[in-house]
Amino acid sequence: MSENNQLRDVFVAIADPTRRRLIHLLAEAGELPLHELTPQFQMGRTAVSKHLTILKEAGLVLDRKVGRETRFRLNASPLKEIQDWVAFYSKYWTMNMLRLNQLLEEEEE
């Protein structure tokens, strides 16, 4: 977990396809209330709300009250942790593929 006092690990939060879809919807829309998010899923408001809570605990979703409704928006900064992790292994695979390519070229000679 990163230093921003997240209650939940970002990797755990994005492990679920529903939560990844919520992240995508919020990234596209900017900010949405629960009643606009719920129809995008085959589940009730309570279930969608639970997924949003998990994303909030990971720092991926921020919310604010507007009158009687709560509006949700993406906070993408915790995704940097995932980007850094993937980048590390991307370098690993790139290096291994270069080595494999060199071996194949040496065999052809």
N, C-alpha and C. Protein backbone atom coordinates (compact mmCIF):
# COMPACT_ATOMS: atom_id res chain seq x y z
N MET A 1 0.83 -1.18 0.00
CA MET A 1 0.00 0.00 0.00
C MET A 1 0.87 1.24 0.00
N SER A 2 0.39 2.27 -0.64
CA SER A 2 1.19 3.47 -0.72
C SER A 2 1.02 4.32 0.53
N GLU A 3 1.71 5.45 0.53
CA GLU A 3 1.80 6.27 1.74
C GLU A 3 0.58 7.13 2.02
N ASN A 4 -0.47 7.09 1.18
CA ASN A 4 -1.61 7.98 1.39
C ASN A 4 -2.69 7.40 2.30
N ASN A 5 -2.32 6.48 3.18
CA ASN A 5 -3.21 5.90 4.18
C ASN A 5 -4.43 5.23 3.58
N GLN A 6 -4.25 4.54 2.49
CA GLN A 6 -5.32 3.78 1.89
C GLN A 6 -5.74 2.68 2.85
N LEU A 7 -7.02 2.40 2.89
CA LEU A 7 -7.51 1.32 3.73
C LEU A 7 -7.46 -0.01 3.00
N ARG A 8 -7.35 0.03 1.67
CA ARG A 8 -7.38 -1.18 0.87
C ARG A 8 -6.31 -1.10 -0.21
N ASP A 9 -5.73 -2.24 -0.55
CA ASP A 9 -4.70 -2.31 -1.57
C ASP A 9 -5.29 -2.03 -2.96
N VAL A 10 -4.59 -1.24 -3.75
CA VAL A 10 -5.05 -0.87 -5.08
C VAL A 10 -5.18 -2.12 -5.97
N PHE A 11 -4.25 -3.05 -5.85
CA PHE A 11 -4.30 -4.27 -6.66
C PHE A 11 -5.55 -5.08 -6.34
N VAL A 12 -5.91 -5.15 -5.08
CA VAL A 12 -7.13 -5.86 -4.68
C VAL A 12 -8.35 -5.14 -5.24
N ALA A 13 -8.33 -3.83 -5.18
CA ALA A 13 -9.48 -3.06 -5.64
C ALA A 13 -9.75 -3.24 -7.13
N ILE A 14 -8.70 -3.34 -7.94
CA ILE A 14 -8.92 -3.46 -9.38
C ILE A 14 -9.02 -4.91 -9.84
N ALA A 15 -8.89 -5.85 -8.93
CA ALA A 15 -8.96 -7.26 -9.30
C ALA A 15 -10.33 -7.67 -9.81
N ASP A 16 -11.36 -6.97 -9.40
CA ASP A 16 -12.72 -7.33 -9.77
C ASP A 16 -13.14 -6.63 -11.07
N PRO A 17 -13.73 -7.36 -12.02
CA PRO A 17 -14.14 -6.74 -13.29
C PRO A 17 -15.19 -5.64 -13.12
N THR A 18 -16.06 -5.77 -12.15
CA THR A 18 -17.06 -4.72 -11.92
C THR A 18 -16.39 -3.42 -11.51
N ARG A 19 -15.40 -3.52 -10.64
CA ARG A 19 -14.70 -2.31 -10.19
C ARG A 19 -13.88 -1.70 -11.32
N ARG A 20 -13.29 -2.55 -12.16
CA ARG A 20 -12.57 -2.02 -13.32
C ARG A 20 -13.53 -1.30 -14.25
N ARG A 21 -14.72 -1.83 -14.42
CA ARG A 21 -15.74 -1.17 -15.26
C ARG A 21 -16.16 0.16 -14.64
N LEU A 22 -16.33 0.20 -13.32
CA LEU A 22 -16.66 1.46 -12.64
C LEU A 22 -15.56 2.50 -12.87
N ILE A 23 -14.32 2.09 -12.76
CA ILE A 23 -13.20 3.00 -13.01
C ILE A 23 -13.27 3.54 -14.43
N HIS A 24 -13.54 2.66 -15.38
CA HIS A 24 -13.65 3.07 -16.77
C HIS A 24 -14.78 4.08 -16.98
N LEU A 25 -15.94 3.79 -16.42
CA LEU A 25 -17.08 4.69 -16.56
C LEU A 25 -16.79 6.06 -15.96
N LEU A 26 -16.17 6.07 -14.80
CA LEU A 26 -15.85 7.35 -14.15
C LEU A 26 -14.77 8.09 -14.92
N ALA A 27 -13.84 7.37 -15.50
CA ALA A 27 -12.79 8.02 -16.30
C ALA A 27 -13.41 8.69 -17.53
N GLU A 28 -14.39 8.05 -18.13
CA GLU A 28 -15.04 8.62 -19.32
C GLU A 28 -15.95 9.80 -18.98
N ALA A 29 -16.72 9.65 -17.89
CA ALA A 29 -17.75 10.64 -17.57
C ALA A 29 -17.25 11.79 -16.73
N GLY A 30 -16.23 11.56 -15.97
CA GLY A 30 -15.75 12.60 -15.05
C GLY A 30 -16.35 12.46 -13.67
N GLU A 31 -17.67 12.56 -13.59
CA GLU A 31 -18.34 12.47 -12.29
C GLU A 31 -19.76 11.98 -12.52
N LEU A 32 -20.18 10.98 -11.74
CA LEU A 32 -21.52 10.42 -11.88
C LEU A 32 -22.11 10.09 -10.52
N PRO A 33 -23.44 10.24 -10.40
CA PRO A 33 -24.11 9.78 -9.19
C PRO A 33 -24.41 8.28 -9.28
N LEU A 34 -24.67 7.67 -8.16
CA LEU A 34 -24.93 6.23 -8.09
C LEU A 34 -26.08 5.83 -9.01
N HIS A 35 -27.13 6.63 -9.06
CA HIS A 35 -28.30 6.24 -9.87
C HIS A 35 -28.00 6.23 -11.37
N GLU A 36 -26.92 6.87 -11.81
CA GLU A 36 -26.51 6.79 -13.21
C GLU A 36 -25.51 5.66 -13.45
N LEU A 37 -24.82 5.25 -12.41
CA LEU A 37 -23.88 4.13 -12.54
C LEU A 37 -24.60 2.78 -12.50
N THR A 38 -25.58 2.66 -11.65
CA THR A 38 -26.25 1.37 -11.41
C THR A 38 -26.80 0.72 -12.67
N PRO A 39 -27.46 1.45 -13.59
CA PRO A 39 -28.01 0.78 -14.78
C PRO A 39 -26.95 0.14 -15.69
N GLN A 40 -25.71 0.48 -15.49
CA GLN A 40 -24.63 -0.09 -16.29
C GLN A 40 -24.27 -1.52 -15.89
N PHE A 41 -24.88 -2.00 -14.81
CA PHE A 41 -24.54 -3.31 -14.24
C PHE A 41 -25.81 -4.13 -14.02
N GLN A 42 -25.64 -5.43 -13.98
CA GLN A 42 -26.76 -6.31 -13.69
C GLN A 42 -26.76 -6.64 -12.20
N MET A 43 -26.87 -5.60 -11.39
CA MET A 43 -26.92 -5.73 -9.94
C MET A 43 -27.61 -4.49 -9.40
N GLY A 44 -27.99 -4.54 -8.14
CA GLY A 44 -28.70 -3.43 -7.54
C GLY A 44 -27.77 -2.31 -7.06
N ARG A 45 -28.41 -1.25 -6.60
CA ARG A 45 -27.68 -0.07 -6.11
C ARG A 45 -26.76 -0.43 -4.94
N THR A 46 -27.24 -1.30 -4.06
CA THR A 46 -26.44 -1.67 -2.88
C THR A 46 -25.14 -2.35 -3.29
N ALA A 47 -25.23 -3.26 -4.26
CA ALA A 47 -24.02 -3.96 -4.72
C ALA A 47 -23.05 -2.99 -5.39
N VAL A 48 -23.57 -2.11 -6.24
CA VAL A 48 -22.70 -1.12 -6.89
C VAL A 48 -22.07 -0.21 -5.84
N SER A 49 -22.85 0.17 -4.87
CA SER A 49 -22.35 1.02 -3.79
C SER A 49 -21.22 0.33 -3.02
N LYS A 50 -21.34 -0.96 -2.79
CA LYS A 50 -20.27 -1.70 -2.11
C LYS A 50 -18.98 -1.69 -2.92
N HIS A 51 -19.11 -1.84 -4.23
CA HIS A 51 -17.92 -1.78 -5.09
C HIS A 51 -17.30 -0.39 -5.06
N LEU A 52 -18.13 0.63 -5.06
CA LEU A 52 -17.61 2.00 -4.97
C LEU A 52 -16.90 2.23 -3.64
N THR A 53 -17.41 1.65 -2.58
CA THR A 53 -16.77 1.76 -1.26
C THR A 53 -15.37 1.15 -1.29
N ILE A 54 -15.23 0.01 -1.92
CA ILE A 54 -13.92 -0.64 -2.03
C ILE A 54 -12.96 0.26 -2.82
N LEU A 55 -13.46 0.84 -3.90
CA LEU A 55 -12.62 1.75 -4.70
C LEU A 55 -12.26 3.00 -3.90
N LYS A 56 -13.18 3.49 -3.09
CA LYS A 56 -12.89 4.65 -2.24
C LYS A 56 -11.83 4.30 -1.20
N GLU A 57 -11.93 3.11 -0.61
CA GLU A 57 -10.95 2.69 0.40
C GLU A 57 -9.55 2.56 -0.19
N ALA A 58 -9.47 2.27 -1.48
CA ALA A 58 -8.18 2.18 -2.17
C ALA A 58 -7.71 3.54 -2.68
N GLY A 59 -8.54 4.56 -2.48
CA GLY A 59 -8.17 5.90 -2.92
C GLY A 59 -8.44 6.16 -4.39
N LEU A 60 -9.11 5.22 -5.07
CA LEU A 60 -9.35 5.34 -6.50
C LEU A 60 -10.58 6.16 -6.85
N VAL A 61 -11.48 6.32 -5.89
CA VAL A 61 -12.72 7.06 -6.13
C VAL A 61 -12.88 8.10 -5.03
N LEU A 62 -13.27 9.28 -5.44
CA LEU A 62 -13.60 10.36 -4.52
C LEU A 62 -15.09 10.64 -4.65
N ASP A 63 -15.71 11.11 -3.58
CA ASP A 63 -17.12 11.43 -3.66
C ASP A 63 -17.39 12.79 -3.03
N ARG A 64 -18.52 13.36 -3.43
CA ARG A 64 -18.94 14.62 -2.84
C ARG A 64 -20.45 14.68 -2.88
N LYS A 65 -21.01 15.33 -1.88
CA LYS A 65 -22.45 15.50 -1.78
C LYS A 65 -22.87 16.70 -2.61
N VAL A 66 -23.92 16.50 -3.40
CA VAL A 66 -24.54 17.59 -4.15
C VAL A 66 -26.04 17.46 -3.85
N GLY A 67 -26.50 18.28 -2.93
CA GLY A 67 -27.89 18.15 -2.48
C GLY A 67 -28.07 16.82 -1.77
N ARG A 68 -29.02 16.03 -2.26
CA ARG A 68 -29.30 14.74 -1.63
C ARG A 68 -28.53 13.59 -2.25
N GLU A 69 -27.82 13.84 -3.35
CA GLU A 69 -27.11 12.75 -4.00
C GLU A 69 -25.60 12.84 -3.77
N THR A 70 -24.97 11.70 -3.90
CA THR A 70 -23.51 11.64 -3.82
C THR A 70 -23.00 11.39 -5.23
N ARG A 71 -22.05 12.21 -5.62
CA ARG A 71 -21.44 12.08 -6.94
C ARG A 71 -20.03 11.50 -6.78
N PHE A 72 -19.67 10.61 -7.68
CA PHE A 72 -18.39 9.91 -7.62
C PHE A 72 -17.53 10.31 -8.81
N ARG A 73 -16.21 10.39 -8.55
CA ARG A 73 -15.27 10.67 -9.63
C ARG A 73 -13.99 9.86 -9.39
N LEU A 74 -13.28 9.63 -10.46
CA LEU A 74 -12.05 8.85 -10.41
C LEU A 74 -10.90 9.69 -9.87
N ASN A 75 -10.11 9.08 -9.02
CA ASN A 75 -8.83 9.63 -8.59
C ASN A 75 -7.78 8.64 -9.10
N ALA A 76 -7.20 8.92 -10.24
CA ALA A 76 -6.31 7.95 -10.91
C ALA A 76 -4.92 7.85 -10.31
N SER A 77 -4.56 8.75 -9.41
CA SER A 77 -3.17 8.75 -8.91
C SER A 77 -2.75 7.42 -8.26
N PRO A 78 -3.61 6.68 -7.54
CA PRO A 78 -3.16 5.39 -7.01
C PRO A 78 -2.84 4.36 -8.10
N LEU A 79 -3.33 4.58 -9.31
CA LEU A 79 -3.02 3.65 -10.40
C LEU A 79 -1.55 3.72 -10.79
N LYS A 80 -0.85 4.76 -10.38
CA LYS A 80 0.59 4.88 -10.64
C LYS A 80 1.35 3.70 -10.04
N GLU A 81 0.90 3.22 -8.90
CA GLU A 81 1.52 2.05 -8.26
C GLU A 81 1.45 0.84 -9.18
N ILE A 82 0.34 0.67 -9.85
CA ILE A 82 0.17 -0.45 -10.78
C ILE A 82 1.01 -0.22 -12.03
N GLN A 83 0.99 1.00 -12.52
CA GLN A 83 1.79 1.34 -13.70
C GLN A 83 3.27 1.06 -13.44
N ASP A 84 3.76 1.44 -12.28
CA ASP A 84 5.16 1.20 -11.93
C ASP A 84 5.47 -0.29 -11.87
N TRP A 85 4.56 -1.06 -11.30
CA TRP A 85 4.75 -2.51 -11.17
C TRP A 85 4.80 -3.15 -12.56
N VAL A 86 3.86 -2.79 -13.43
CA VAL A 86 3.82 -3.33 -14.78
C VAL A 86 5.06 -2.90 -15.56
N ALA A 87 5.49 -1.66 -15.40
CA ALA A 87 6.66 -1.16 -16.11
C ALA A 87 7.91 -1.97 -15.75
N PHE A 88 8.04 -2.33 -14.49
CA PHE A 88 9.19 -3.13 -14.07
C PHE A 88 9.22 -4.45 -14.82
N TYR A 89 8.08 -5.14 -14.88
CA TYR A 89 8.04 -6.44 -15.55
C TYR A 89 8.06 -6.30 -17.06
N SER A 90 7.62 -5.18 -17.57
CA SER A 90 7.73 -4.93 -19.00
C SER A 90 9.20 -4.88 -19.41
N LYS A 91 10.02 -4.21 -18.60
CA LYS A 91 11.46 -4.17 -18.86
C LYS A 91 12.05 -5.58 -18.81
N TYR A 92 11.60 -6.37 -17.85
CA TYR A 92 12.07 -7.74 -17.69
C TYR A 92 11.78 -8.54 -18.96
N TRP A 93 10.53 -8.47 -19.45
CA TRP A 93 10.17 -9.24 -20.63
C TRP A 93 10.85 -8.71 -21.89
N THR A 94 11.02 -7.42 -21.98
CA THR A 94 11.71 -6.84 -23.13
C THR A 94 13.14 -7.37 -23.19
N MET A 95 13.82 -7.36 -22.05
CA MET A 95 15.19 -7.86 -22.01
C MET A 95 15.25 -9.35 -22.37
N ASN A 96 14.33 -10.14 -21.85
CA ASN A 96 14.33 -11.56 -22.17
C ASN A 96 14.03 -11.82 -23.64
N MET A 97 13.15 -11.04 -24.22
CA MET A 97 12.84 -11.20 -25.63
C MET A 97 14.05 -10.80 -26.49
N LEU A 98 14.78 -9.77 -26.07
CA LEU A 98 15.99 -9.39 -26.80
C LEU A 98 17.03 -10.51 -26.73
N ARG A 99 17.19 -11.11 -25.56
CA ARG A 99 18.14 -12.23 -25.42
C ARG A 99 17.73 -13.41 -26.30
N LEU A 100 16.44 -13.72 -26.30
CA LEU A 100 15.95 -14.81 -27.12
C LEU A 100 16.19 -14.52 -28.60
N ASN A 101 15.94 -13.31 -29.01
CA ASN A 101 16.17 -12.91 -30.39
C ASN A 101 17.65 -13.07 -30.76
N GLN A 102 18.53 -12.67 -29.85
CA GLN A 102 19.97 -12.80 -30.11
C GLN A 102 20.36 -14.27 -30.25
N LEU A 103 19.81 -15.13 -29.39
CA LEU A 103 20.10 -16.56 -29.47
C LEU A 103 19.62 -17.14 -30.80
N LEU A 104 18.44 -16.74 -31.22
CA LEU A 104 17.89 -17.25 -32.48
C LEU A 104 18.74 -16.78 -33.67
N GLU A 105 19.18 -15.54 -33.61
CA GLU A 105 20.04 -15.03 -34.68
C GLU A 105 21.38 -15.76 -34.71
N GLU A 106 21.93 -16.06 -33.54
CA GLU A 106 23.20 -16.79 -33.48
C GLU A 106 23.04 -18.21 -34.03
N GLU A 107 21.90 -18.84 -33.79
CA GLU A 107 21.67 -20.18 -34.31
C GLU A 107 21.54 -20.20 -35.83
N GLU A 108 20.99 -19.12 -36.38
CA GLU A 108 20.82 -19.04 -37.82
C GLU A 108 22.15 -18.86 -38.53
N GLU A 109 23.14 -18.32 -37.87
CA GLU A 109 24.45 -18.09 -38.50
C GLU A 109 25.27 -19.31 -38.62
